[in-house]
Amino acid sequence: MLSNTNAIKLANERQKVFLAQFIKGGVEYSLALQASGILAAEKPEELLTDEEKGIVEQACRLWLEHRNGMNKIKHALASVSENLRGLNSPSSILISSTSA
């Protein structure tokens, strides 16, 4: 069993992890701080107030939107990078020099 001090330290560490992920995910600091505190407390969902649920849902939705947006950007960059590699391949250089 964890002592009260260790339990508080563990909750603080969990909050730091949640906060870092929310911030990294583009969630505004004050919302991220509130949501991370709620999640770190590990209260059962049925004990959360409607306000707490709303804060967590909003932060998670924003985080997910940012993540999905970043995935789309990464996919687009990978596609552009692959197209650029194709343009710089020896065969494409040969084709462009012989057609001139």
Protein backbone atom coordinates (compact mmCIF):
# COMPACT_ATOMS: atom_id res chain seq x y z
CA MET A 1 0.00 0.00 0.00
CA LEU A 2 1.28 3.44 -0.92
CA SER A 3 1.80 6.00 1.79
CA ASN A 4 -0.16 9.22 1.41
CA THR A 5 3.00 11.09 0.42
CA ASN A 6 3.85 8.53 -2.26
CA ALA A 7 0.29 8.57 -3.56
CA ILE A 8 0.45 12.36 -3.91
CA LYS A 9 3.81 12.13 -5.70
CA LEU A 10 2.42 9.50 -8.06
CA ALA A 11 -0.65 11.62 -8.79
CA ASN A 12 1.60 14.64 -9.48
CA GLU A 13 3.71 12.58 -11.87
CA ARG A 14 0.58 11.35 -13.67
CA GLN A 15 -0.64 14.94 -13.96
CA LYS A 16 2.69 16.03 -15.43
CA VAL A 17 2.49 13.29 -18.06
CA PHE A 18 -1.11 14.16 -19.00
CA LEU A 19 -0.28 17.87 -19.05
CA ALA A 20 2.73 17.36 -21.29
CA GLN A 21 0.72 15.27 -23.73
CA PHE A 22 -2.14 17.78 -23.85
CA ILE A 23 0.25 20.69 -24.41
CA LYS A 24 2.16 18.73 -27.06
CA GLY A 25 -1.24 18.01 -28.62
CA GLY A 26 -2.09 21.68 -28.97
CA VAL A 27 -4.49 22.03 -26.01
CA GLU A 28 -4.44 25.47 -24.39
CA TYR A 29 -2.53 25.46 -21.08
CA SER A 30 -5.33 26.27 -18.63
CA LEU A 31 -7.65 23.64 -20.11
CA ALA A 32 -4.79 21.12 -20.24
CA LEU A 33 -3.94 21.81 -16.61
CA GLN A 34 -7.54 21.30 -15.47
CA ALA A 35 -8.04 18.13 -17.52
CA SER A 36 -4.73 16.64 -16.47
CA GLY A 37 -5.58 17.21 -12.81
CA ILE A 38 -8.94 15.49 -13.21
CA LEU A 39 -7.44 12.52 -15.04
CA ALA A 40 -4.52 12.19 -12.61
CA ALA A 41 -6.93 11.96 -9.68
CA GLU A 42 -8.27 8.73 -11.20
CA LYS A 43 -11.77 9.30 -9.87
CA PRO A 44 -14.29 6.83 -11.27
CA GLU A 45 -16.28 8.37 -14.10
CA GLU A 46 -19.54 8.10 -12.18
CA LEU A 47 -18.08 10.37 -9.46
CA LEU A 48 -17.05 13.13 -11.87
CA THR A 49 -19.25 16.19 -12.09
CA ASP A 50 -20.73 17.20 -15.44
CA GLU A 51 -18.28 20.12 -15.49
CA GLU A 52 -15.29 17.80 -14.94
CA LYS A 53 -16.51 15.45 -17.66
CA GLY A 54 -16.93 18.40 -20.02
CA ILE A 55 -13.41 19.67 -19.32
CA VAL A 56 -11.85 16.27 -19.97
CA GLU A 57 -13.96 15.66 -23.08
CA GLN A 58 -13.07 19.07 -24.51
CA ALA A 59 -9.35 18.63 -23.86
CA CYS A 60 -9.35 15.12 -25.31
CA ARG A 61 -11.32 16.24 -28.38
CA LEU A 62 -8.88 19.08 -29.04
CA TRP A 63 -5.92 16.75 -28.54
CA LEU A 64 -7.43 14.23 -30.98
CA GLU A 65 -8.20 16.90 -33.58
CA HIS A 66 -4.61 18.13 -33.38
CA ARG A 67 -3.26 14.59 -33.63
CA ASN A 68 -5.44 13.79 -36.64
CA GLY A 69 -4.36 17.04 -38.27
CA MET A 70 -0.71 16.25 -37.64
CA ASN A 71 -1.18 12.77 -39.12
CA LYS A 72 -2.67 14.32 -42.27
CA ILE A 73 0.28 16.72 -42.49
CA LYS A 74 2.79 13.88 -42.00
CA HIS A 75 1.05 11.84 -44.70
CA ALA A 76 1.06 14.80 -47.10
CA LEU A 77 4.75 15.50 -46.40
CA ALA A 78 5.63 11.86 -46.97
CA SER A 79 3.77 11.93 -50.27
CA VAL A 80 5.52 15.13 -51.38
CA SER A 81 8.88 13.74 -50.27
CA GLU A 82 8.30 10.56 -52.25
CA ASN A 83 7.31 12.58 -55.32
CA LEU A 84 10.46 14.69 -54.97
CA ARG A 85 12.61 11.57 -54.67
CA GLY A 86 11.01 10.31 -57.88
CA LEU A 87 11.89 13.56 -59.64
CA ASN A 88 15.50 13.22 -58.57
CA SER A 89 15.87 9.58 -59.55
CA PRO A 90 18.42 8.75 -62.27
CA SER A 91 15.70 7.59 -64.67
CA SER A 92 13.77 10.85 -64.41
CA ILE A 93 16.95 12.85 -64.95
CA LEU A 94 17.78 10.72 -68.00
CA ILE A 95 14.28 11.17 -69.44
CA SER A 96 14.33 14.94 -68.95
CA SER A 97 17.81 15.31 -70.48
CA THR A 98 16.99 13.18 -73.56
CA SER A 99 13.71 14.96 -74.23
CA ALA A 100 15.39 18.37 -74.36
